[in-house]
């Protein structure tokens, strides 16, 4: 059984920072792409960021939604089976429940943005940004 558990959510003022963590179990972590999504009240869940299998930060292994590009950073620690989302210069419109997900497959350059490409999800963690 695959499990994902997000931590690190909370309340933060606009312009501040927050770091989300997602620890996984039940799957060979280093072999799969990982992603973060979010769902704001009254809106559909949307893509935030994804990362291929490698832990190094290169353009071809990362993908970001335009709305967070330059402010959020996705990273992973394959030794700890954990993926992170560093959120900086947050805005009130970043308020949402954030979900991590593990993809159906993986490669260094595979950075899926579609929810259908993920088969396991965490329970979500609330992030609230006040102005």
Foldseek 3Di string as FASTA:
>chain_A
DKAKAKDWADEEAAQAKTKIKIAMDDDQLLWWKKFKWWDDPPGDIFGAKIAANDQDDDPQGIDGDPVQPPFWDWGDDSVRRMIMIIGGSDDQVVWTWMKMFIFPGGDRRDTDGDPVRTDDMHPTDTHGYHD
